[in-house]
Amino acid sequence: MRIFCTILGLVVVLLQYRVWVSDHGVREVSRLSAAVDAQAVANSEQRERNRQLVAEVNDLKVGLTALEERARSELGMVGSSETFYQVVTAATPAPAAPATGITARAR
């Protein structure tokens, strides 16, 4: 009976080692769970980005206002009934060099 209890105790210890220390144990499950959570966050961010891109594509295909806005900002286009005014500011003069220059003399 004593041998049976010793063998049973050894089996329990080996099984506990496999659960807590081995490559497929609790630590690996915890690491994989954290990786799944991180991937779920990344997926939700990408899903939101894709939704915004689909809305922008649909707006560009259907609506003229988005197309006009894009043409104005990126291409500098002006409407046919609009007048374009360009304001040019006077160039500021470069600062003059100091009147008394300090030079170092080698002795």
PDB file of N, CA and C in Angstrom:
ATOM      1  N   MET A   1       0.819  -1.188   0.000  1.00  0.00           N
ATOM      2  CA  MET A   1       0.000   0.000   0.000  1.00  0.00           C
ATOM      3  C   MET A   1       0.869   1.260   0.000  1.00  0.00           C
ATOM      4  N   ARG A   2       1.983   1.203   0.719  1.00  0.00           N
ATOM      5  CA  ARG A   2       2.880   2.338   0.801  1.00  0.00           C
ATOM      6  C   ARG A   2       3.470   2.656  -0.582  1.00  0.00           C
ATOM      7  N   ILE A   3       3.786   1.654  -1.368  1.00  0.00           N
ATOM      8  CA  ILE A   3       4.327   1.851  -2.712  1.00  0.00           C
ATOM      9  C   ILE A   3       3.273   2.496  -3.602  1.00  0.00           C
ATOM     10  N   PHE A   4       2.041   2.057  -3.470  1.00  0.00           N
ATOM     11  CA  PHE A   4       0.938   2.640  -4.268  1.00  0.00           C
ATOM     12  C   PHE A   4       0.771   4.126  -3.947  1.00  0.00           C
ATOM     13  N   CYS A   5       0.821   4.500  -2.683  1.00  0.00           N
ATOM     14  CA  CYS A   5       0.683   5.914  -2.300  1.00  0.00           C
ATOM     15  C   CYS A   5       1.864   6.736  -2.811  1.00  0.00           C
ATOM     16  N   THR A   6       3.045   6.164  -2.786  1.00  0.00           N
ATOM     17  CA  THR A   6       4.228   6.860  -3.283  1.00  0.00           C
ATOM     18  C   THR A   6       4.121   7.092  -4.789  1.00  0.00           C
ATOM     19  N   ILE A   7       3.705   6.063  -5.524  1.00  0.00           N
ATOM     20  CA  ILE A   7       3.536   6.188  -6.968  1.00  0.00           C
ATOM     21  C   ILE A   7       2.429   7.191  -7.283  1.00  0.00           C
ATOM     22  N   LEU A   8       1.327   7.139  -6.566  1.00  0.00           N
ATOM     23  CA  LEU A   8       0.232   8.084  -6.770  1.00  0.00           C
ATOM     24  C   LEU A   8       0.676   9.515  -6.474  1.00  0.00           C
ATOM     25  N   GLY A   9       1.437   9.721  -5.415  1.00  0.00           N
ATOM     26  CA  GLY A   9       1.950  11.044  -5.091  1.00  0.00           C
ATOM     27  C   GLY A   9       2.905  11.557  -6.161  1.00  0.00           C
ATOM     28  N   LEU A  10       3.742  10.691  -6.701  1.00  0.00           N
ATOM     29  CA  LEU A  10       4.673  11.055  -7.758  1.00  0.00           C
ATOM     30  C   LEU A  10       3.920  11.442  -9.037  1.00  0.00           C
ATOM     31  N   VAL A  11       2.863  10.713  -9.358  1.00  0.00           N
ATOM     32  CA  VAL A  11       2.054  11.034 -10.530  1.00  0.00           C
ATOM     33  C   VAL A  11       1.382  12.400 -10.360  1.00  0.00           C
ATOM     34  N   VAL A  12       0.867  12.680  -9.172  1.00  0.00           N
ATOM     35  CA  VAL A  12       0.225  13.967  -8.914  1.00  0.00           C
ATOM     36  C   VAL A  12       1.244  15.096  -9.055  1.00  0.00           C
ATOM     37  N   VAL A  13       2.456  14.913  -8.536  1.00  0.00           N
ATOM     38  CA  VAL A  13       3.497  15.933  -8.650  1.00  0.00           C
ATOM     39  C   VAL A  13       3.863  16.158 -10.114  1.00  0.00           C
ATOM     40  N   LEU A  14       4.007  15.096 -10.896  1.00  0.00           N
ATOM     41  CA  LEU A  14       4.339  15.243 -12.313  1.00  0.00           C
ATOM     42  C   LEU A  14       3.223  15.950 -13.081  1.00  0.00           C
ATOM     43  N   LEU A  15       1.973  15.644 -12.748  1.00  0.00           N
ATOM     44  CA  LEU A  15       0.859  16.322 -13.416  1.00  0.00           C
ATOM     45  C   LEU A  15       0.812  17.802 -13.049  1.00  0.00           C
ATOM     46  N   GLN A  16       1.094  18.114 -11.798  1.00  0.00           N
ATOM     47  CA  GLN A  16       1.134  19.523 -11.390  1.00  0.00           C
ATOM     48  C   GLN A  16       2.271  20.265 -12.098  1.00  0.00           C
ATOM     49  N   TYR A  17       3.413  19.592 -12.251  1.00  0.00           N
ATOM     50  CA  TYR A  17       4.522  20.196 -12.988  1.00  0.00           C
ATOM     51  C   TYR A  17       4.089  20.519 -14.410  1.00  0.00           C
ATOM     52  N   ARG A  18       3.398  19.594 -15.046  1.00  0.00           N
ATOM     53  CA  ARG A  18       2.940  19.817 -16.427  1.00  0.00           C
ATOM     54  C   ARG A  18       1.970  20.984 -16.507  1.00  0.00           C
ATOM     55  N   VAL A  19       1.121  21.128 -15.535  1.00  0.00           N
ATOM     56  CA  VAL A  19       0.123  22.200 -15.560  1.00  0.00           C
ATOM     57  C   VAL A  19       0.777  23.568 -15.326  1.00  0.00           C
ATOM     58  N   TRP A  20       1.671  23.681 -14.376  1.00  0.00           N
ATOM     59  CA  TRP A  20       2.186  24.976 -13.977  1.00  0.00           C
ATOM     60  C   TRP A  20       3.475  25.396 -14.682  1.00  0.00           C
ATOM     61  N   VAL A  21       4.320  24.470 -15.109  1.00  0.00           N
ATOM     62  CA  VAL A  21       5.648  24.829 -15.592  1.00  0.00           C
ATOM     63  C   VAL A  21       5.847  24.553 -17.082  1.00  0.00           C
ATOM     64  N   SER A  22       5.180  23.600 -17.650  1.00  0.00           N
ATOM     65  CA  SER A  22       5.463  23.189 -19.032  1.00  0.00           C
ATOM     66  C   SER A  22       5.058  24.259 -20.041  1.00  0.00           C
ATOM     67  N   ASP A  23       5.428  24.045 -21.299  1.00  0.00           N
ATOM     68  CA  ASP A  23       5.142  24.997 -22.373  1.00  0.00           C
ATOM     69  C   ASP A  23       3.656  25.130 -22.666  1.00  0.00           C
ATOM     70  N   HIS A  24       2.870  24.158 -22.338  1.00  0.00           N
ATOM     71  CA  HIS A  24       1.430  24.199 -22.613  1.00  0.00           C
ATOM     72  C   HIS A  24       0.621  24.338 -21.329  1.00  0.00           C
ATOM     73  N   GLY A  25       1.213  24.961 -20.336  1.00  0.00           N
ATOM     74  CA  GLY A  25       0.559  25.071 -19.041  1.00  0.00           C
ATOM     75  C   GLY A  25      -0.188  26.378 -18.863  1.00  0.00           C
ATOM     76  N   VAL A  26      -0.347  26.751 -17.624  1.00  0.00           N
ATOM     77  CA  VAL A  26      -1.124  27.927 -17.242  1.00  0.00           C
ATOM     78  C   VAL A  26      -0.479  29.210 -17.772  1.00  0.00           C
ATOM     79  N   ARG A  27       0.855  29.308 -17.739  1.00  0.00           N
ATOM     80  CA  ARG A  27       1.522  30.510 -18.232  1.00  0.00           C
ATOM     81  C   ARG A  27       1.263  30.718 -19.718  1.00  0.00           C
ATOM     82  N   GLU A  28       1.296  29.649 -20.485  1.00  0.00           N
ATOM     83  CA  GLU A  28       1.037  29.761 -21.925  1.00  0.00           C
ATOM     84  C   GLU A  28      -0.403  30.168 -22.186  1.00  0.00           C
ATOM     85  N   VAL A  29      -1.326  29.649 -21.424  1.00  0.00           N
ATOM     86  CA  VAL A  29      -2.733  30.025 -21.573  1.00  0.00           C
ATOM     87  C   VAL A  29      -2.915  31.500 -21.236  1.00  0.00           C
ATOM     88  N   SER A  30      -2.243  31.961 -20.193  1.00  0.00           N
ATOM     89  CA  SER A  30      -2.333  33.374 -19.811  1.00  0.00           C
ATOM     90  C   SER A  30      -1.739  34.270 -20.893  1.00  0.00           C
ATOM     91  N   ARG A  31      -0.606  33.879 -21.466  1.00  0.00           N
ATOM     92  CA  ARG A  31       0.017  34.659 -22.524  1.00  0.00           C
ATOM     93  C   ARG A  31      -0.873  34.711 -23.756  1.00  0.00           C
ATOM     94  N   LEU A  32      -1.453  33.592 -24.120  1.00  0.00           N
ATOM     95  CA  LEU A  32      -2.340  33.556 -25.282  1.00  0.00           C
ATOM     96  C   LEU A  32      -3.608  34.372 -25.046  1.00  0.00           C
ATOM     97  N   SER A  33      -4.103  34.363 -23.839  1.00  0.00           N
ATOM     98  CA  SER A  33      -5.287  35.156 -23.512  1.00  0.00           C
ATOM     99  C   SER A  33      -4.991  36.651 -23.654  1.00  0.00           C
ATOM    100  N   ALA A  34      -3.827  37.080 -23.189  1.00  0.00           N
ATOM    101  CA  ALA A  34      -3.439  38.487 -23.339  1.00  0.00           C
ATOM    102  C   ALA A  34      -3.268  38.845 -24.814  1.00  0.00           C
ATOM    103  N   ALA A  35      -2.715  37.924 -25.606  1.00  0.00           N
ATOM    104  CA  ALA A  35      -2.539  38.171 -27.044  1.00  0.00           C
ATOM    105  C   ALA A  35      -3.888  38.281 -27.745  1.00  0.00           C
ATOM    106  N   VAL A  36      -4.837  37.472 -27.348  1.00  0.00           N
ATOM    107  CA  VAL A  36      -6.181  37.539 -27.933  1.00  0.00           C
ATOM    108  C   VAL A  36      -6.845  38.861 -27.588  1.00  0.00           C
ATOM    109  N   ASP A  37      -6.688  39.324 -26.359  1.00  0.00           N
ATOM    110  CA  ASP A  37      -7.257  40.620 -25.964  1.00  0.00           C
ATOM    111  C   ASP A  37      -6.637  41.765 -26.755  1.00  0.00           C
ATOM    112  N   ALA A  38      -5.318  41.732 -26.922  1.00  0.00           N
ATOM    113  CA  ALA A  38      -4.641  42.782 -27.690  1.00  0.00           C
ATOM    114  C   ALA A  38      -5.094  42.759 -29.150  1.00  0.00           C
ATOM    115  N   GLN A  39      -5.262  41.576 -29.709  1.00  0.00           N
ATOM    116  CA  GLN A  39      -5.704  41.472 -31.100  1.00  0.00           C
ATOM    117  C   GLN A  39      -7.148  41.949 -31.249  1.00  0.00           C
ATOM    118  N   ALA A  40      -7.979  41.710 -30.252  1.00  0.00           N
ATOM    119  CA  ALA A  40      -9.364  42.187 -30.302  1.00  0.00           C
ATOM    120  C   ALA A  40      -9.407  43.712 -30.312  1.00  0.00           C
ATOM    121  N   VAL A  41      -8.535  44.355 -29.539  1.00  0.00           N
ATOM    122  CA  VAL A  41      -8.471  45.823 -29.531  1.00  0.00           C
ATOM    123  C   VAL A  41      -8.006  46.326 -30.895  1.00  0.00           C
ATOM    124  N   ALA A  42      -6.975  45.694 -31.437  1.00  0.00           N
ATOM    125  CA  ALA A  42      -6.478  46.098 -32.754  1.00  0.00           C
ATOM    126  C   ALA A  42      -7.542  45.903 -33.825  1.00  0.00           C
ATOM    127  N   ASN A  43      -8.287  44.814 -33.732  1.00  0.00           N
ATOM    128  CA  ASN A  43      -9.354  44.557 -34.707  1.00  0.00           C
ATOM    129  C   ASN A  43     -10.443  45.616 -34.635  1.00  0.00           C
ATOM    130  N   SER A  44     -10.800  46.028 -33.427  1.00  0.00           N
ATOM    131  CA  SER A  44     -11.851  47.046 -33.305  1.00  0.00           C
ATOM    132  C   SER A  44     -11.369  48.389 -33.866  1.00  0.00           C
ATOM    133  N   GLU A  45     -10.087  48.718 -33.658  1.00  0.00           N
ATOM    134  CA  GLU A  45      -9.552  49.955 -34.222  1.00  0.00           C
ATOM    135  C   GLU A  45      -9.562  49.895 -35.754  1.00  0.00           C
ATOM    136  N   GLN A  46      -9.164  48.770 -36.310  1.00  0.00           N
ATOM    137  CA  GLN A  46      -9.156  48.616 -37.765  1.00  0.00           C
ATOM    138  C   GLN A  46     -10.580  48.610 -38.329  1.00  0.00           C
ATOM    139  N   ARG A  47     -11.514  48.047 -37.589  1.00  0.00           N
ATOM    140  CA  ARG A  47     -12.907  48.041 -38.030  1.00  0.00           C
ATOM    141  C   ARG A  47     -13.452  49.466 -38.120  1.00  0.00           C
ATOM    142  N   GLU A  48     -13.109  50.297 -37.115  1.00  0.00           N
ATOM    143  CA  GLU A  48     -13.536  51.702 -37.124  1.00  0.00           C
ATOM    144  C   GLU A  48     -12.884  52.452 -38.273  1.00  0.00           C
ATOM    145  N   ARG A  49     -11.605  52.210 -38.515  1.00  0.00           N
ATOM    146  CA  ARG A  49     -10.907  52.864 -39.623  1.00  0.00           C
ATOM    147  C   ARG A  49     -11.527  52.455 -40.957  1.00  0.00           C
ATOM    148  N   ASN A  50     -11.818  51.180 -41.113  1.00  0.00           N
ATOM    149  CA  ASN A  50     -12.445  50.707 -42.348  1.00  0.00           C
ATOM    150  C   ASN A  50     -13.823  51.334 -42.545  1.00  0.00           C
ATOM    151  N   ARG A  51     -14.574  51.492 -41.451  1.00  0.00           N
ATOM    152  CA  ARG A  51     -15.890  52.114 -41.554  1.00  0.00           C
ATOM    153  C   ARG A  51     -15.765  53.552 -42.043  1.00  0.00           C
ATOM    154  N   GLN A  52     -14.784  54.280 -41.516  1.00  0.00           N
ATOM    155  CA  GLN A  52     -14.569  55.657 -41.939  1.00  0.00           C
ATOM    156  C   GLN A  52     -14.155  55.727 -43.402  1.00  0.00           C
ATOM    157  N   LEU A  53     -13.294  54.813 -43.832  1.00  0.00           N
ATOM    158  CA  LEU A  53     -12.858  54.805 -45.226  1.00  0.00           C
ATOM    159  C   LEU A  53     -14.006  54.482 -46.175  1.00  0.00           C
ATOM    160  N   VAL A  54     -14.867  53.542 -45.787  1.00  0.00           N
ATOM    161  CA  VAL A  54     -16.025  53.210 -46.621  1.00  0.00           C
ATOM    162  C   VAL A  54     -16.955  54.409 -46.726  1.00  0.00           C
ATOM    163  N   ALA A  55     -17.161  55.110 -45.610  1.00  0.00           N
ATOM    164  CA  ALA A  55     -18.022  56.299 -45.641  1.00  0.00           C
ATOM    165  C   ALA A  55     -17.416  57.373 -46.537  1.00  0.00           C
ATOM    166  N   GLU A  56     -16.102  57.556 -46.481  1.00  0.00           N
ATOM    167  CA  GLU A  56     -15.455  58.562 -47.321  1.00  0.00           C
ATOM    168  C   GLU A  56     -15.541  58.179 -48.805  1.00  0.00           C
ATOM    169  N   VAL A  57     -15.340  56.911 -49.113  1.00  0.00           N
ATOM    170  CA  VAL A  57     -15.439  56.461 -50.505  1.00  0.00           C
ATOM    171  C   VAL A  57     -16.855  56.654 -51.024  1.00  0.00           C
ATOM    172  N   ASN A  58     -17.847  56.293 -50.225  1.00  0.00           N
ATOM    173  CA  ASN A  58     -19.239  56.475 -50.648  1.00  0.00           C
ATOM    174  C   ASN A  58     -19.559  57.957 -50.845  1.00  0.00           C
ATOM    175  N   ASP A  59     -19.038  58.797 -49.956  1.00  0.00           N
ATOM    176  CA  ASP A  59     -19.278  60.237 -50.080  1.00  0.00           C
ATOM    177  C   ASP A  59     -18.631  60.790 -51.348  1.00  0.00           C
ATOM    178  N   LEU A  60     -17.434  60.299 -51.677  1.00  0.00           N
ATOM    179  CA  LEU A  60     -16.774  60.759 -52.897  1.00  0.00           C
ATOM    180  C   LEU A  60     -17.483  60.257 -54.147  1.00  0.00           C
ATOM    181  N   LYS A  61     -18.058  59.063 -54.088  1.00  0.00           N
ATOM    182  CA  LYS A  61     -18.770  58.513 -55.241  1.00  0.00           C
ATOM    183  C   LYS A  61     -20.103  59.215 -55.463  1.00  0.00           C
ATOM    184  N   VAL A  62     -20.809  59.517 -54.392  1.00  0.00           N
ATOM    185  CA  VAL A  62     -22.174  60.018 -54.495  1.00  0.00           C
ATOM    186  C   VAL A  62     -22.239  61.540 -54.363  1.00  0.00           C
ATOM    187  N   GLY A  63     -21.663  62.075 -53.323  1.00  0.00           N
ATOM    188  CA  GLY A  63     -21.817  63.505 -53.024  1.00  0.00           C
ATOM    189  C   GLY A  63     -20.793  64.360 -53.738  1.00  0.00           C
ATOM    190  N   LEU A  64     -21.232  65.501 -54.234  1.00  0.00           N
ATOM    191  CA  LEU A  64     -20.330  66.418 -54.912  1.00  0.00           C
ATOM    192  C   LEU A  64     -19.604  67.331 -53.928  1.00  0.00           C
ATOM    193  N   THR A  65     -20.149  67.527 -52.746  1.00  0.00           N
ATOM    194  CA  THR A  65     -19.518  68.434 -51.790  1.00  0.00           C
ATOM    195  C   THR A  65     -18.173  67.892 -51.316  1.00  0.00           C
ATOM    196  N   ALA A  66     -18.091  66.607 -51.070  1.00  0.00           N
ATOM    197  CA  ALA A  66     -16.820  66.033 -50.635  1.00  0.00           C
ATOM    198  C   ALA A  66     -15.796  66.095 -51.753  1.00  0.00           C
ATOM    199  N   LEU A  67     -16.237  65.857 -52.970  1.00  0.00           N
ATOM    200  CA  LEU A  67     -15.341  65.930 -54.116  1.00  0.00           C
ATOM    201  C   LEU A  67     -14.829  67.367 -54.307  1.00  0.00           C
ATOM    202  N   GLU A  68     -15.737  68.337 -54.174  1.00  0.00           N
ATOM    203  CA  GLU A  68     -15.351  69.739 -54.301  1.00  0.00           C
ATOM    204  C   GLU A  68     -14.395  70.151 -53.188  1.00  0.00           C
ATOM    205  N   GLU A  69     -14.666  69.714 -51.980  1.00  0.00           N
ATOM    206  CA  GLU A  69     -13.796  70.038 -50.846  1.00  0.00           C
ATOM    207  C   GLU A  69     -12.402  69.459 -51.050  1.00  0.00           C
ATOM    208  N   ARG A  70     -12.331  68.230 -51.507  1.00  0.00           N
ATOM    209  CA  ARG A  70     -11.040  67.590 -51.763  1.00  0.00           C
ATOM    210  C   ARG A  70     -10.287  68.321 -52.873  1.00  0.00           C
ATOM    211  N   ALA A  71     -10.990  68.731 -53.938  1.00  0.00           N
ATOM    212  CA  ALA A  71     -10.345  69.448 -55.041  1.00  0.00           C
ATOM    213  C   ALA A  71      -9.828  70.805 -54.582  1.00  0.00           C
ATOM    214  N   ARG A  72     -10.567  71.485 -53.725  1.00  0.00           N
ATOM    215  CA  ARG A  72     -10.138  72.793 -53.233  1.00  0.00           C
ATOM    216  C   ARG A  72      -8.893  72.654 -52.351  1.00  0.00           C
ATOM    217  N   SER A  73      -8.909  71.710 -51.428  1.00  0.00           N
ATOM    218  CA  SER A  73      -7.806  71.617 -50.477  1.00  0.00           C
ATOM    219  C   SER A  73      -6.551  71.024 -51.094  1.00  0.00           C
ATOM    220  N   GLU A  74      -6.686  70.022 -51.963  1.00  0.00           N
ATOM    221  CA  GLU A  74      -5.500  69.345 -52.479  1.00  0.00           C
ATOM    222  C   GLU A  74      -5.020  69.906 -53.810  1.00  0.00           C
ATOM    223  N   LEU A  75      -5.924  70.401 -54.641  1.00  0.00           N
ATOM    224  CA  LEU A  75      -5.536  70.864 -55.965  1.00  0.00           C
ATOM    225  C   LEU A  75      -5.611  72.378 -56.123  1.00  0.00           C
ATOM    226  N   GLY A  76      -6.186  73.076 -55.150  1.00  0.00           N
ATOM    227  CA  GLY A  76      -6.281  74.520 -55.207  1.00  0.00           C
ATOM    228  C   GLY A  76      -7.268  75.011 -56.253  1.00  0.00           C
ATOM    229  N   MET A  77      -8.307  74.254 -56.504  1.00  0.00           N
ATOM    230  CA  MET A  77      -9.274  74.638 -57.524  1.00  0.00           C
ATOM    231  C   MET A  77     -10.203  75.735 -57.017  1.00  0.00           C
ATOM    232  N   VAL A  78     -10.688  76.560 -57.968  1.00  0.00           N
ATOM    233  CA  VAL A  78     -11.587  77.665 -57.676  1.00  0.00           C
ATOM    234  C   VAL A  78     -12.837  77.466 -58.529  1.00  0.00           C
ATOM    235  N   GLY A  79     -14.004  77.731 -57.929  1.00  0.00           N
ATOM    236  CA  GLY A  79     -15.262  77.585 -58.653  1.00  0.00           C
ATOM    237  C   GLY A  79     -15.407  78.629 -59.754  1.00  0.00           C
ATOM    238  N   SER A  80     -16.312  78.359 -60.714  1.00  0.00           N
ATOM    239  CA  SER A  80     -16.481  79.264 -61.855  1.00  0.00           C
ATOM    240  C   SER A  80     -17.080  80.608 -61.450  1.00  0.00           C
ATOM    241  N   SER A  81     -17.877  80.660 -60.408  1.00  0.00           N
ATOM    242  CA  SER A  81     -18.495  81.918 -59.990  1.00  0.00           C
ATOM    243  C   SER A  81     -17.722  82.585 -58.855  1.00  0.00           C
ATOM    244  N   GLU A  82     -16.513  82.127 -58.581  1.00  0.00           N
ATOM    245  CA  GLU A  82     -15.719  82.656 -57.483  1.00  0.00           C
ATOM    246  C   GLU A  82     -14.540  83.460 -58.023  1.00  0.00           C
ATOM    247  N   THR A  83     -14.042  84.359 -57.204  1.00  0.00           N
ATOM    248  CA  THR A  83     -12.866  85.141 -57.547  1.00  0.00           C
ATOM    249  C   THR A  83     -11.769  84.784 -56.568  1.00  0.00           C
ATOM    250  N   PHE A  84     -10.596  84.524 -57.091  1.00  0.00           N
ATOM    251  CA  PHE A  84      -9.453  84.129 -56.266  1.00  0.00           C
ATOM    252  C   PHE A  84      -8.574  85.346 -56.015  1.00  0.00           C
ATOM    253  N   TYR A  85      -8.316  85.623 -54.755  1.00  0.00           N
ATOM    254  CA  TYR A  85      -7.433  86.716 -54.370  1.00  0.00           C
ATOM    255  C   TYR A  85      -6.221  86.122 -53.667  1.00  0.00           C
ATOM    256  N   GLN A  86      -5.025  86.524 -54.116  1.00  0.00           N
ATOM    257  CA  GLN A  86      -3.806  86.071 -53.467  1.00  0.00           C
ATOM    258  C   GLN A  86      -3.160  87.262 -52.789  1.00  0.00           C
ATOM    259  N   VAL A  87      -2.908  87.164 -51.514  1.00  0.00           N
ATOM    260  CA  VAL A  87      -2.305  88.234 -50.735  1.00  0.00           C
ATOM    261  C   VAL A  87      -0.828  87.929 -50.581  1.00  0.00           C
ATOM    262  N   VAL A  88      -0.006  88.870 -51.058  1.00  0.00           N
ATOM    263  CA  VAL A  88       1.441  88.705 -50.969  1.00  0.00           C
ATOM    264  C   VAL A  88       1.965  89.702 -49.960  1.00  0.00           C
ATOM    265  N   THR A  89       2.683  89.229 -48.976  1.00  0.00           N
ATOM    266  CA  THR A  89       3.247  90.122 -47.968  1.00  0.00           C
ATOM    267  C   THR A  89       4.650  90.531 -48.393  1.00  0.00           C
ATOM    268  N   ALA A  90       5.049  91.723 -47.979  1.00  0.00           N
ATOM    269  CA  ALA A  90       6.381  92.221 -48.315  1.00  0.00           C
ATOM    270  C   ALA A  90       7.417  91.375 -47.601  1.00  0.00           C
ATOM    271  N   ALA A  91       8.487  91.104 -48.303  1.00  0.00           N
ATOM    272  CA  ALA A  91       9.549  90.297 -47.707  1.00  0.00           C
ATOM    273  C   ALA A  91      10.254  91.119 -46.641  1.00  0.00           C
ATOM    274  N   THR A  92      10.538  90.533 -45.538  1.00  0.00           N
ATOM    275  CA  THR A  92      11.235  91.238 -44.463  1.00  0.00           C
ATOM    276  C   THR A  92      12.726  91.232 -44.762  1.00  0.00           C
ATOM    277  N   PRO A  93      13.415  92.366 -44.526  1.00  0.00           N
ATOM    278  CA  PRO A  93      14.849  92.412 -44.821  1.00  0.00           C
ATOM    279  C   PRO A  93      15.625  91.526 -43.854  1.00  0.00           C
ATOM    280  N   ALA A  94      16.732  91.021 -44.347  1.00  0.00           N
ATOM    281  CA  ALA A  94      17.592  90.181 -43.513  1.00  0.00           C
ATOM    282  C   ALA A  94      18.258  91.053 -42.460  1.00  0.00           C
ATOM    283  N   PRO A  95      18.480  90.570 -41.266  1.00  0.00           N
ATOM    284  CA  PRO A  95      19.128  91.376 -40.231  1.00  0.00           C
ATOM    285  C   PRO A  95      20.553  91.725 -40.645  1.00  0.00           C
ATOM    286  N   ALA A  96      20.943  92.964 -40.367  1.00  0.00           N
ATOM    287  CA  ALA A  96      22.279  93.429 -40.729  1.00  0.00           C
ATOM    288  C   ALA A  96      23.320  92.803 -39.827  1.00  0.00           C
ATOM    289  N   ALA A  97      24.539  92.715 -40.347  1.00  0.00           N
ATOM    290  CA  ALA A  97      25.648  92.167 -39.560  1.00  0.00           C
ATOM    291  C   ALA A  97      26.017  93.170 -38.487  1.00  0.00           C
ATOM    292  N   PRO A  98      26.544  92.748 -37.381  1.00  0.00           N
ATOM    293  CA  PRO A  98      26.923  93.687 -36.309  1.00  0.00           C
ATOM    294  C   PRO A  98      28.000  94.664 -36.808  1.00  0.00           C
ATOM    295  N   ALA A  99      27.909  95.924 -36.375  1.00  0.00           N
ATOM    296  CA  ALA A  99      28.806  96.978 -36.837  1.00  0.00           C
ATOM    297  C   ALA A  99      30.231  96.753 -36.351  1.00  0.00           C
ATOM    298  N   THR A 100      30.379  96.330 -35.116  1.00  0.00           N
ATOM    299  CA  THR A 100      31.725  96.107 -34.592  1.00  0.00           C
ATOM    300  C   THR A 100      31.935  94.615 -34.478  1.00  0.00           C
ATOM    301  N   GLY A 101      32.752  94.107 -35.330  1.00  0.00           N
ATOM    302  CA  GLY A 101      33.040  92.680 -35.287  1.00  0.00           C
ATOM    303  C   GLY A 101      34.176  92.381 -34.347  1.00  0.00           C
ATOM    304  N   ILE A 102      34.074  91.343 -33.638  1.00  0.00           N
ATOM    305  CA  ILE A 102      35.119  90.930 -32.707  1.00  0.00           C
ATOM    306  C   ILE A 102      35.924  89.848 -33.408  1.00  0.00           C
ATOM    307  N   THR A 103      37.195  90.068 -33.543  1.00  0.00           N
ATOM    308  CA  THR A 103      38.061  89.086 -34.192  1.00  0.00           C
ATOM    309  C   THR A 103      39.078  88.587 -33.191  1.00  0.00           C
ATOM    310  N   ALA A 104      39.438  87.388 -33.337  1.00  0.00           N
ATOM    311  CA  ALA A 104      40.447  86.791 -32.450  1.00  0.00           C
ATOM    312  C   ALA A 104      41.797  86.856 -33.161  1.00  0.00           C
ATOM    313  N   ARG A 105      42.803  87.296 -32.453  1.00  0.00           N
ATOM    314  CA  ARG A 105      44.145  87.361 -33.019  1.00  0.00           C
ATOM    315  C   ARG A 105      45.023  86.275 -32.382  1.00  0.00           C
ATOM    316  N   ALA A 106      45.758  85.629 -33.214  1.00  0.00           N
ATOM    317  CA  ALA A 106      46.665  84.608 -32.708  1.00  0.00           C
ATOM    318  C   ALA A 106      47.954  85.268 -32.253  1.00  0.00           C
ATOM    319  N   ARG A 107      48.473  84.939 -31.145  1.00  0.00           N
ATOM    320  CA  ARG A 107      49.712  85.530 -30.641  1.00  0.00           C
ATOM    321  C   ARG A 107      50.823  84.567 -30.695  1.00  0.00           C
TER     322      ARG A 107
END
